[in-house]
mmCIF file of all heavy atoms, coordinates in Angstrom:
data_MODEL
# 
_entry.id   MODEL 
# 
loop_
_atom_site.group_PDB 
_atom_site.id 
_atom_site.type_symbol 
_atom_site.label_atom_id 
_atom_site.label_alt_id 
_atom_site.label_comp_id 
_atom_site.label_asym_id 
_atom_site.label_entity_id 
_atom_site.label_seq_id 
_atom_site.pdbx_PDB_ins_code 
_atom_site.Cartn_x 
_atom_site.Cartn_y 
_atom_site.Cartn_z 
_atom_site.occupancy 
_atom_site.B_iso_or_equiv 
_atom_site.pdbx_formal_charge 
_atom_site.auth_seq_id 
_atom_site.auth_comp_id 
_atom_site.auth_asym_id 
_atom_site.auth_atom_id 
_atom_site.pdbx_PDB_model_num 
ATOM 1   N N   . VAL A 1 1  ? 270.920 -93.177 5.881  1.00 0.00 ? 1  VAL A N   1 
ATOM 2   C CA  . VAL A 1 1  ? 271.396 -92.573 4.788  1.00 0.00 ? 1  VAL A CA  1 
ATOM 3   C C   . VAL A 1 1  ? 270.288 -92.578 3.740  1.00 0.00 ? 1  VAL A C   1 
ATOM 4   O O   . VAL A 1 1  ? 270.020 -91.659 3.015  1.00 0.00 ? 1  VAL A O   1 
ATOM 5   C CB  . VAL A 1 1  ? 272.659 -93.251 4.203  1.00 0.00 ? 1  VAL A CB  1 
ATOM 6   C CG1 . VAL A 1 1  ? 273.016 -92.662 2.801  1.00 0.00 ? 1  VAL A CG1 1 
ATOM 7   C CG2 . VAL A 1 1  ? 273.790 -93.090 5.197  1.00 0.00 ? 1  VAL A CG2 1 
ATOM 8   N N   . LYS A 1 2  ? 269.548 -93.724 3.619  1.00 0.00 ? 2  LYS A N   1 
ATOM 9   C CA  . LYS A 1 2  ? 268.468 -93.838 2.717  1.00 0.00 ? 2  LYS A CA  1 
ATOM 10  C C   . LYS A 1 2  ? 267.373 -92.899 2.894  1.00 0.00 ? 2  LYS A C   1 
ATOM 11  O O   . LYS A 1 2  ? 266.677 -92.472 2.055  1.00 0.00 ? 2  LYS A O   1 
ATOM 12  C CB  . LYS A 1 2  ? 267.958 -95.317 2.693  1.00 0.00 ? 2  LYS A CB  1 
ATOM 13  C CG  . LYS A 1 2  ? 267.078 -95.679 1.527  1.00 0.00 ? 2  LYS A CG  1 
ATOM 14  C CD  . LYS A 1 2  ? 266.837 -97.225 1.540  1.00 0.00 ? 2  LYS A CD  1 
ATOM 15  C CE  . LYS A 1 2  ? 266.050 -97.669 0.378  1.00 0.00 ? 2  LYS A CE  1 
ATOM 16  N NZ  . LYS A 1 2  ? 265.744 -99.088 0.342  1.00 0.00 ? 2  LYS A NZ  1 
ATOM 17  N N   . GLU A 1 3  ? 267.101 -92.568 4.270  1.00 0.00 ? 3  GLU A N   1 
ATOM 18  C CA  . GLU A 1 3  ? 265.938 -91.666 4.584  1.00 0.00 ? 3  GLU A CA  1 
ATOM 19  C C   . GLU A 1 3  ? 266.256 -90.239 4.390  1.00 0.00 ? 3  GLU A C   1 
ATOM 20  O O   . GLU A 1 3  ? 265.431 -89.414 4.398  1.00 0.00 ? 3  GLU A O   1 
ATOM 21  C CB  . GLU A 1 3  ? 265.562 -91.923 6.050  1.00 0.00 ? 3  GLU A CB  1 
ATOM 22  C CG  . GLU A 1 3  ? 264.995 -93.233 6.322  1.00 0.00 ? 3  GLU A CG  1 
ATOM 23  C CD  . GLU A 1 3  ? 264.670 -93.516 7.780  1.00 0.00 ? 3  GLU A CD  1 
ATOM 24  O OE1 . GLU A 1 3  ? 265.142 -92.580 8.582  1.00 0.00 ? 3  GLU A OE1 1 
ATOM 25  O OE2 . GLU A 1 3  ? 264.002 -94.513 8.119  1.00 0.00 ? 3  GLU A OE2 1 
ATOM 26  N N   . CYS A 1 4  ? 267.585 -89.926 4.171  1.00 0.00 ? 4  CYS A N   1 
ATOM 27  C CA  . CYS A 1 4  ? 268.029 -88.508 3.988  1.00 0.00 ? 4  CYS A CA  1 
ATOM 28  C C   . CYS A 1 4  ? 267.537 -87.933 2.609  1.00 0.00 ? 4  CYS A C   1 
ATOM 29  O O   . CYS A 1 4  ? 267.681 -88.603 1.615  1.00 0.00 ? 4  CYS A O   1 
ATOM 30  C CB  . CYS A 1 4  ? 269.535 -88.355 4.167  1.00 0.00 ? 4  CYS A CB  1 
ATOM 31  S SG  . CYS A 1 4  ? 270.079 -88.735 5.733  1.00 0.00 ? 4  CYS A SG  1 
ATOM 32  N N   . LYS A 1 5  ? 267.068 -86.828 2.612  1.00 0.00 ? 5  LYS A N   1 
ATOM 33  C CA  . LYS A 1 5  ? 266.634 -86.078 1.327  1.00 0.00 ? 5  LYS A CA  1 
ATOM 34  C C   . LYS A 1 5  ? 267.929 -85.604 0.742  1.00 0.00 ? 5  LYS A C   1 
ATOM 35  O O   . LYS A 1 5  ? 268.869 -85.092 1.406  1.00 0.00 ? 5  LYS A O   1 
ATOM 36  C CB  . LYS A 1 5  ? 265.717 -84.978 1.550  1.00 0.00 ? 5  LYS A CB  1 
ATOM 37  C CG  . LYS A 1 5  ? 264.343 -85.447 2.096  1.00 0.00 ? 5  LYS A CG  1 
ATOM 38  C CD  . LYS A 1 5  ? 263.380 -84.333 2.408  1.00 0.00 ? 5  LYS A CD  1 
ATOM 39  C CE  . LYS A 1 5  ? 262.050 -84.746 2.936  1.00 0.00 ? 5  LYS A CE  1 
ATOM 40  N NZ  . LYS A 1 5  ? 261.205 -83.605 3.190  1.00 0.00 ? 5  LYS A NZ  1 
ATOM 41  N N   . PRO A 1 6  ? 268.061 -85.677 -0.606 1.00 0.00 ? 6  PRO A N   1 
ATOM 42  C CA  . PRO A 1 6  ? 269.280 -85.089 -1.230 1.00 0.00 ? 6  PRO A CA  1 
ATOM 43  C C   . PRO A 1 6  ? 269.430 -83.627 -1.064 1.00 0.00 ? 6  PRO A C   1 
ATOM 44  O O   . PRO A 1 6  ? 268.424 -82.858 -1.149 1.00 0.00 ? 6  PRO A O   1 
ATOM 45  C CB  . PRO A 1 6  ? 268.982 -85.363 -2.822 1.00 0.00 ? 6  PRO A CB  1 
ATOM 46  C CG  . PRO A 1 6  ? 267.990 -86.540 -2.786 1.00 0.00 ? 6  PRO A CG  1 
ATOM 47  C CD  . PRO A 1 6  ? 267.178 -86.307 -1.563 1.00 0.00 ? 6  PRO A CD  1 
ATOM 48  N N   . GLY A 1 7  ? 270.667 -83.288 -0.558 1.00 0.00 ? 7  GLY A N   1 
ATOM 49  C CA  . GLY A 1 7  ? 270.949 -81.881 -0.328 1.00 0.00 ? 7  GLY A CA  1 
ATOM 50  C C   . GLY A 1 7  ? 270.399 -81.290 0.958  1.00 0.00 ? 7  GLY A C   1 
ATOM 51  O O   . GLY A 1 7  ? 270.472 -80.117 1.233  1.00 0.00 ? 7  GLY A O   1 
ATOM 52  N N   . ILE A 1 8  ? 269.844 -82.176 1.785  1.00 0.00 ? 8  ILE A N   1 
ATOM 53  C CA  . ILE A 1 8  ? 269.300 -81.746 3.141  1.00 0.00 ? 8  ILE A CA  1 
ATOM 54  C C   . ILE A 1 8  ? 269.873 -82.612 4.200  1.00 0.00 ? 8  ILE A C   1 
ATOM 55  O O   . ILE A 1 8  ? 270.034 -83.882 4.120  1.00 0.00 ? 8  ILE A O   1 
ATOM 56  C CB  . ILE A 1 8  ? 267.812 -81.892 3.216  1.00 0.00 ? 8  ILE A CB  1 
ATOM 57  C CG1 . ILE A 1 8  ? 267.088 -81.017 2.096  1.00 0.00 ? 8  ILE A CG1 1 
ATOM 58  C CG2 . ILE A 1 8  ? 267.288 -81.513 4.465  1.00 0.00 ? 8  ILE A CG2 1 
ATOM 59  C CD1 . ILE A 1 8  ? 267.290 -79.537 2.229  1.00 0.00 ? 8  ILE A CD1 1 
ATOM 60  N N   . GLY A 1 9  ? 270.357 -81.963 5.295  1.00 0.00 ? 9  GLY A N   1 
ATOM 61  C CA  . GLY A 1 9  ? 270.866 -82.645 6.444  1.00 0.00 ? 9  GLY A CA  1 
ATOM 62  C C   . GLY A 1 9  ? 269.855 -83.500 7.164  1.00 0.00 ? 9  GLY A C   1 
ATOM 63  O O   . GLY A 1 9  ? 268.780 -82.976 7.469  1.00 0.00 ? 9  GLY A O   1 
ATOM 64  N N   . CYS A 1 10 ? 270.170 -84.701 7.526  1.00 0.00 ? 10 CYS A N   1 
ATOM 65  C CA  . CYS A 1 10 ? 269.228 -85.682 8.206  1.00 0.00 ? 10 CYS A CA  1 
ATOM 66  C C   . CYS A 1 10 ? 268.915 -85.192 9.644  1.00 0.00 ? 10 CYS A C   1 
ATOM 67  O O   . CYS A 1 10 ? 267.768 -85.360 10.130 1.00 0.00 ? 10 CYS A O   1 
ATOM 68  C CB  . CYS A 1 10 ? 269.744 -87.067 8.275  1.00 0.00 ? 10 CYS A CB  1 
ATOM 69  S SG  . CYS A 1 10 ? 270.005 -87.803 6.673  1.00 0.00 ? 10 CYS A SG  1 
ATOM 70  N N   . VAL A 1 11 ? 269.855 -84.458 10.170 1.00 0.00 ? 11 VAL A N   1 
ATOM 71  C CA  . VAL A 1 11 ? 269.637 -84.094 11.631 1.00 0.00 ? 11 VAL A CA  1 
ATOM 72  C C   . VAL A 1 11 ? 269.000 -82.675 11.777 1.00 0.00 ? 11 VAL A C   1 
ATOM 73  O O   . VAL A 1 11 ? 268.076 -82.479 12.466 1.00 0.00 ? 11 VAL A O   1 
ATOM 74  C CB  . VAL A 1 11 ? 270.966 -84.073 12.333 1.00 0.00 ? 11 VAL A CB  1 
ATOM 75  C CG1 . VAL A 1 11 ? 270.837 -83.621 13.853 1.00 0.00 ? 11 VAL A CG1 1 
ATOM 76  C CG2 . VAL A 1 11 ? 271.655 -85.503 12.289 1.00 0.00 ? 11 VAL A CG2 1 
ATOM 77  N N   . THR A 1 12 ? 269.499 -81.715 11.012 1.00 0.00 ? 12 THR A N   1 
ATOM 78  C CA  . THR A 1 12 ? 269.096 -80.349 11.167 1.00 0.00 ? 12 THR A CA  1 
ATOM 79  C C   . THR A 1 12 ? 268.042 -79.887 10.106 1.00 0.00 ? 12 THR A C   1 
ATOM 80  O O   . THR A 1 12 ? 267.426 -78.866 10.318 1.00 0.00 ? 12 THR A O   1 
ATOM 81  C CB  . THR A 1 12 ? 270.241 -79.401 10.993 1.00 0.00 ? 12 THR A CB  1 
ATOM 82  O OG1 . THR A 1 12 ? 270.899 -79.581 9.701  1.00 0.00 ? 12 THR A OG1 1 
ATOM 83  C CG2 . THR A 1 12 ? 271.309 -79.675 12.059 1.00 0.00 ? 12 THR A CG2 1 
ATOM 84  N N   . ASN A 1 13 ? 267.917 -80.733 9.032  1.00 0.00 ? 13 ASN A N   1 
ATOM 85  C CA  . ASN A 1 13 ? 267.015 -80.316 7.862  1.00 0.00 ? 13 ASN A CA  1 
ATOM 86  C C   . ASN A 1 13 ? 267.521 -79.025 7.260  1.00 0.00 ? 13 ASN A C   1 
ATOM 87  O O   . ASN A 1 13 ? 266.781 -78.308 6.577  1.00 0.00 ? 13 ASN A O   1 
ATOM 88  C CB  . ASN A 1 13 ? 265.590 -80.139 8.350  1.00 0.00 ? 13 ASN A CB  1 
ATOM 89  C CG  . ASN A 1 13 ? 264.904 -81.448 8.649  1.00 0.00 ? 13 ASN A CG  1 
ATOM 90  O OD1 . ASN A 1 13 ? 265.172 -82.412 7.911  1.00 0.00 ? 13 ASN A OD1 1 
ATOM 91  N ND2 . ASN A 1 13 ? 264.060 -81.447 9.582  1.00 0.00 ? 13 ASN A ND2 1 
ATOM 92  N N   . LEU A 1 14 ? 268.806 -78.628 7.402  1.00 0.00 ? 14 LEU A N   1 
ATOM 93  C CA  . LEU A 1 14 ? 269.384 -77.556 6.759  1.00 0.00 ? 14 LEU A CA  1 
ATOM 94  C C   . LEU A 1 14 ? 270.081 -78.005 5.489  1.00 0.00 ? 14 LEU A C   1 
ATOM 95  O O   . LEU A 1 14 ? 270.401 -79.216 5.259  1.00 0.00 ? 14 LEU A O   1 
ATOM 96  C CB  . LEU A 1 14 ? 270.400 -76.905 7.677  1.00 0.00 ? 14 LEU A CB  1 
ATOM 97  C CG  . LEU A 1 14 ? 269.850 -76.210 8.914  1.00 0.00 ? 14 LEU A CG  1 
ATOM 98  C CD1 . LEU A 1 14 ? 270.917 -75.750 9.830  1.00 0.00 ? 14 LEU A CD1 1 
ATOM 99  C CD2 . LEU A 1 14 ? 268.939 -75.095 8.640  1.00 0.00 ? 14 LEU A CD2 1 
ATOM 100 N N   . PRO A 1 15 ? 270.369 -77.111 4.552  1.00 0.00 ? 15 PRO A N   1 
ATOM 101 C CA  . PRO A 1 15 ? 271.000 -77.487 3.311  1.00 0.00 ? 15 PRO A CA  1 
ATOM 102 C C   . PRO A 1 15 ? 272.401 -78.120 3.450  1.00 0.00 ? 15 PRO A C   1 
ATOM 103 O O   . PRO A 1 15 ? 273.146 -77.722 4.387  1.00 0.00 ? 15 PRO A O   1 
ATOM 104 C CB  . PRO A 1 15 ? 271.049 -76.221 2.548  1.00 0.00 ? 15 PRO A CB  1 
ATOM 105 C CG  . PRO A 1 15 ? 270.079 -75.325 3.155  1.00 0.00 ? 15 PRO A CG  1 
ATOM 106 C CD  . PRO A 1 15 ? 269.948 -75.630 4.623  1.00 0.00 ? 15 PRO A CD  1 
ATOM 107 N N   . LEU A 1 16 ? 272.679 -78.982 2.595  1.00 0.00 ? 16 LEU A N   1 
ATOM 108 C CA  . LEU A 1 16 ? 274.008 -79.548 2.460  1.00 0.00 ? 16 LEU A CA  1 
ATOM 109 C C   . LEU A 1 16 ? 274.483 -79.528 1.076  1.00 0.00 ? 16 LEU A C   1 
ATOM 110 O O   . LEU A 1 16 ? 273.683 -79.875 0.116  1.00 0.00 ? 16 LEU A O   1 
ATOM 111 C CB  . LEU A 1 16 ? 274.080 -80.991 2.963  1.00 0.00 ? 16 LEU A CB  1 
ATOM 112 C CG  . LEU A 1 16 ? 273.957 -81.332 4.467  1.00 0.00 ? 16 LEU A CG  1 
ATOM 113 C CD1 . LEU A 1 16 ? 273.948 -82.869 4.783  1.00 0.00 ? 16 LEU A CD1 1 
ATOM 114 C CD2 . LEU A 1 16 ? 275.139 -80.697 5.201  1.00 0.00 ? 16 LEU A CD2 1 
ATOM 115 N N   . PRO A 1 17 ? 275.710 -79.139 0.788  1.00 0.00 ? 17 PRO A N   1 
ATOM 116 C CA  . PRO A 1 17 ? 276.688 -78.577 1.828  1.00 0.00 ? 17 PRO A CA  1 
ATOM 117 C C   . PRO A 1 17 ? 276.256 -77.191 2.246  1.00 0.00 ? 17 PRO A C   1 
ATOM 118 O O   . PRO A 1 17 ? 275.497 -76.498 1.493  1.00 0.00 ? 17 PRO A O   1 
ATOM 119 C CB  . PRO A 1 17 ? 277.990 -78.554 1.131  1.00 0.00 ? 17 PRO A CB  1 
ATOM 120 C CG  . PRO A 1 17 ? 277.606 -78.478 -0.380 1.00 0.00 ? 17 PRO A CG  1 
ATOM 121 C CD  . PRO A 1 17 ? 276.359 -79.171 -0.521 1.00 0.00 ? 17 PRO A CD  1 
ATOM 122 N N   . ARG A 1 18 ? 276.829 -76.642 3.227  1.00 0.00 ? 18 ARG A N   1 
ATOM 123 C CA  . ARG A 1 18 ? 276.542 -75.333 3.814  1.00 0.00 ? 18 ARG A CA  1 
ATOM 124 C C   . ARG A 1 18 ? 277.858 -74.849 4.524  1.00 0.00 ? 18 ARG A C   1 
ATOM 125 O O   . ARG A 1 18 ? 278.631 -75.655 4.820  1.00 0.00 ? 18 ARG A O   1 
ATOM 126 C CB  . ARG A 1 18 ? 275.345 -75.254 4.658  1.00 0.00 ? 18 ARG A CB  1 
ATOM 127 C CG  . ARG A 1 18 ? 275.463 -75.933 6.024  1.00 0.00 ? 18 ARG A CG  1 
ATOM 128 C CD  . ARG A 1 18 ? 274.250 -75.786 6.916  1.00 0.00 ? 18 ARG A CD  1 
ATOM 129 N NE  . ARG A 1 18 ? 274.314 -76.453 8.111  1.00 0.00 ? 18 ARG A NE  1 
ATOM 130 C CZ  . ARG A 1 18 ? 274.076 -77.677 8.393  1.00 0.00 ? 18 ARG A CZ  1 
ATOM 131 N NH1 . ARG A 1 18 ? 273.694 -78.469 7.409  1.00 0.00 ? 18 ARG A NH1 1 
ATOM 132 N NH2 . ARG A 1 18 ? 274.251 -78.178 9.566  1.00 0.00 ? 18 ARG A NH2 1 
ATOM 133 N N   . TYR A 1 19 ? 277.913 -73.602 4.841  1.00 0.00 ? 19 TYR A N   1 
ATOM 134 C CA  . TYR A 1 19 ? 279.057 -73.039 5.530  1.00 0.00 ? 19 TYR A CA  1 
ATOM 135 C C   . TYR A 1 19 ? 278.731 -72.641 6.995  1.00 0.00 ? 19 TYR A C   1 
ATOM 136 O O   . TYR A 1 19 ? 277.656 -72.139 7.303  1.00 0.00 ? 19 TYR A O   1 
ATOM 137 C CB  . TYR A 1 19 ? 279.579 -71.855 4.798  1.00 0.00 ? 19 TYR A CB  1 
ATOM 138 C CG  . TYR A 1 19 ? 280.193 -72.148 3.445  1.00 0.00 ? 19 TYR A CG  1 
ATOM 139 C CD1 . TYR A 1 19 ? 279.420 -71.972 2.264  1.00 0.00 ? 19 TYR A CD1 1 
ATOM 140 C CD2 . TYR A 1 19 ? 281.530 -72.585 3.330  1.00 0.00 ? 19 TYR A CD2 1 
ATOM 141 C CE1 . TYR A 1 19 ? 279.933 -72.267 1.041  1.00 0.00 ? 19 TYR A CE1 1 
ATOM 142 C CE2 . TYR A 1 19 ? 282.071 -72.882 2.168  1.00 0.00 ? 19 TYR A CE2 1 
ATOM 143 C CZ  . TYR A 1 19 ? 281.259 -72.638 0.897  1.00 0.00 ? 19 TYR A CZ  1 
ATOM 144 O OH  . TYR A 1 19 ? 281.754 -73.011 -0.267 1.00 0.00 ? 19 TYR A OH  1 
ATOM 145 N N   . VAL A 1 20 ? 279.701 -72.887 7.898  1.00 0.00 ? 20 VAL A N   1 
ATOM 146 C CA  . VAL A 1 20 ? 279.650 -72.515 9.260  1.00 0.00 ? 20 VAL A CA  1 
ATOM 147 C C   . VAL A 1 20 ? 280.966 -71.898 9.615  1.00 0.00 ? 20 VAL A C   1 
ATOM 148 O O   . VAL A 1 20 ? 281.805 -71.768 8.701  1.00 0.00 ? 20 VAL A O   1 
ATOM 149 C CB  . VAL A 1 20 ? 279.288 -73.676 10.213 1.00 0.00 ? 20 VAL A CB  1 
ATOM 150 C CG1 . VAL A 1 20 ? 277.937 -74.203 9.902  1.00 0.00 ? 20 VAL A CG1 1 
ATOM 151 C CG2 . VAL A 1 20 ? 280.383 -74.777 9.999  1.00 0.00 ? 20 VAL A CG2 1 
ATOM 152 N N   . SER A 1 21 ? 281.277 -71.651 10.874 1.00 0.00 ? 21 SER A N   1 
ATOM 153 C CA  . SER A 1 21 ? 282.544 -71.158 11.248 1.00 0.00 ? 21 SER A CA  1 
ATOM 154 C C   . SER A 1 21 ? 283.048 -71.819 12.575 1.00 0.00 ? 21 SER A C   1 
ATOM 155 O O   . SER A 1 21 ? 282.172 -72.423 13.266 1.00 0.00 ? 21 SER A O   1 
ATOM 156 C CB  . SER A 1 21 ? 282.504 -69.610 11.429 1.00 0.00 ? 21 SER A CB  1 
ATOM 157 O OG  . SER A 1 21 ? 281.591 -69.234 12.383 1.00 0.00 ? 21 SER A OG  1 
ATOM 158 N N   . LEU A 1 22 ? 284.312 -71.790 12.816 1.00 0.00 ? 22 LEU A N   1 
ATOM 159 C CA  . LEU A 1 22 ? 284.768 -72.389 14.072 1.00 0.00 ? 22 LEU A CA  1 
ATOM 160 C C   . LEU A 1 22 ? 284.565 -71.460 15.223 1.00 0.00 ? 22 LEU A C   1 
ATOM 161 O O   . LEU A 1 22 ? 284.921 -70.287 15.230 1.00 0.00 ? 22 LEU A O   1 
ATOM 162 C CB  . LEU A 1 22 ? 286.343 -72.626 13.923 1.00 0.00 ? 22 LEU A CB  1 
ATOM 163 C CG  . LEU A 1 22 ? 287.015 -73.290 15.132 1.00 0.00 ? 22 LEU A CG  1 
ATOM 164 C CD1 . LEU A 1 22 ? 286.474 -74.811 15.257 1.00 0.00 ? 22 LEU A CD1 1 
ATOM 165 C CD2 . LEU A 1 22 ? 288.613 -73.371 14.823 1.00 0.00 ? 22 LEU A CD2 1 
ATOM 166 N N   . LYS A 1 23 ? 283.894 -72.026 16.240 1.00 0.00 ? 23 LYS A N   1 
ATOM 167 C CA  . LYS A 1 23 ? 283.429 -71.209 17.393 1.00 0.00 ? 23 LYS A CA  1 
ATOM 168 C C   . LYS A 1 23 ? 284.544 -70.792 18.275 1.00 0.00 ? 23 LYS A C   1 
ATOM 169 O O   . LYS A 1 23 ? 284.624 -69.592 18.698 1.00 0.00 ? 23 LYS A O   1 
ATOM 170 C CB  . LYS A 1 23 ? 282.335 -71.885 18.183 1.00 0.00 ? 23 LYS A CB  1 
ATOM 171 C CG  . LYS A 1 23 ? 281.756 -71.074 19.273 1.00 0.00 ? 23 LYS A CG  1 
ATOM 172 C CD  . LYS A 1 23 ? 280.760 -71.993 20.085 1.00 0.00 ? 23 LYS A CD  1 
ATOM 173 C CE  . LYS A 1 23 ? 279.509 -72.148 19.251 1.00 0.00 ? 23 LYS A CE  1 
ATOM 174 N NZ  . LYS A 1 23 ? 278.421 -72.855 20.037 1.00 0.00 ? 23 LYS A NZ  1 
ATOM 175 N N   . GLY A 1 24 ? 285.440 -71.672 18.625 1.00 0.00 ? 24 GLY A N   1 
ATOM 176 C CA  . GLY A 1 24 ? 286.482 -71.379 19.539 1.00 0.00 ? 24 GLY A CA  1 
ATOM 177 C C   . GLY A 1 24 ? 287.935 -71.250 18.913 1.00 0.00 ? 24 GLY A C   1 
ATOM 178 O O   . GLY A 1 24 ? 288.046 -71.011 17.705 1.00 0.00 ? 24 GLY A O   1 
ATOM 179 N N   . ASP A 1 25 ? 288.955 -71.457 19.760 1.00 0.00 ? 25 ASP A N   1 
ATOM 180 C CA  . ASP A 1 25 ? 290.237 -71.290 19.326 1.00 0.00 ? 25 ASP A CA  1 
ATOM 181 C C   . ASP A 1 25 ? 290.772 -72.623 18.554 1.00 0.00 ? 25 ASP A C   1 
ATOM 182 O O   . ASP A 1 25 ? 291.681 -72.508 17.828 1.00 0.00 ? 25 ASP A O   1 
ATOM 183 C CB  . ASP A 1 25 ? 291.203 -71.145 20.586 1.00 0.00 ? 25 ASP A CB  1 
ATOM 184 C CG  . ASP A 1 25 ? 290.989 -69.799 21.084 1.00 0.00 ? 25 ASP A CG  1 
ATOM 185 O OD1 . ASP A 1 25 ? 290.487 -68.829 20.438 1.00 0.00 ? 25 ASP A OD1 1 
ATOM 186 O OD2 . ASP A 1 25 ? 291.333 -69.553 22.338 1.00 0.00 ? 25 ASP A OD2 1 
ATOM 187 N N   . GLN A 1 26 ? 290.049 -73.684 18.896 1.00 0.00 ? 26 GLN A N   1 
ATOM 188 C CA  . GLN A 1 26 ? 290.553 -74.870 18.128 1.00 0.00 ? 26 GLN A CA  1 
ATOM 189 C C   . GLN A 1 26 ? 289.411 -75.897 18.056 1.00 0.00 ? 26 GLN A C   1 
ATOM 190 O O   . GLN A 1 26 ? 288.446 -75.900 18.821 1.00 0.00 ? 26 GLN A O   1 
ATOM 191 C CB  . GLN A 1 26 ? 291.766 -75.460 18.769 1.00 0.00 ? 26 GLN A CB  1 
ATOM 192 C CG  . GLN A 1 26 ? 291.455 -76.460 19.930 1.00 0.00 ? 26 GLN A CG  1 
ATOM 193 C CD  . GLN A 1 26 ? 292.730 -77.197 20.401 1.00 0.00 ? 26 GLN A CD  1 
ATOM 194 O OE1 . GLN A 1 26 ? 293.862 -76.661 20.378 1.00 0.00 ? 26 GLN A OE1 1 
ATOM 195 N NE2 . GLN A 1 26 ? 292.554 -78.409 20.879 1.00 0.00 ? 26 GLN A NE2 1 
ATOM 196 N N   . GLY A 1 27 ? 289.471 -76.790 17.106 1.00 0.00 ? 27 GLY A N   1 
ATOM 197 C CA  . GLY A 1 27 ? 288.445 -77.868 16.916 1.00 0.00 ? 27 GLY A CA  1 
ATOM 198 C C   . GLY A 1 27 ? 289.069 -79.092 16.387 1.00 0.00 ? 27 GLY A C   1 
ATOM 199 O O   . GLY A 1 27 ? 289.741 -79.164 15.424 1.00 0.00 ? 27 GLY A O   1 
ATOM 200 N N   . ASN A 1 28 ? 288.807 -80.215 17.144 1.00 0.00 ? 28 ASN A N   1 
ATOM 201 C CA  . ASN A 1 28 ? 289.314 -81.491 16.668 1.00 0.00 ? 28 ASN A CA  1 
ATOM 202 C C   . ASN A 1 28 ? 288.460 -82.111 15.537 1.00 0.00 ? 28 ASN A C   1 
ATOM 203 O O   . ASN A 1 28 ? 287.272 -82.216 15.650 1.00 0.00 ? 28 ASN A O   1 
ATOM 204 C CB  . ASN A 1 28 ? 289.389 -82.466 17.812 1.00 0.00 ? 28 ASN A CB  1 
ATOM 205 C CG  . ASN A 1 28 ? 290.356 -82.067 18.955 1.00 0.00 ? 28 ASN A CG  1 
ATOM 206 O OD1 . ASN A 1 28 ? 291.318 -81.377 18.592 1.00 0.00 ? 28 ASN A OD1 1 
ATOM 207 N ND2 . ASN A 1 28 ? 290.182 -82.530 20.128 1.00 0.00 ? 28 ASN A ND2 1 
# 
């Protein structure tokens, strides 16, 4: 958590928060 940049995802380096969509019929 400490290594993460504010507003940037540690894994993808994409902005946080951001929007995506549900790919299939359901998601747990």
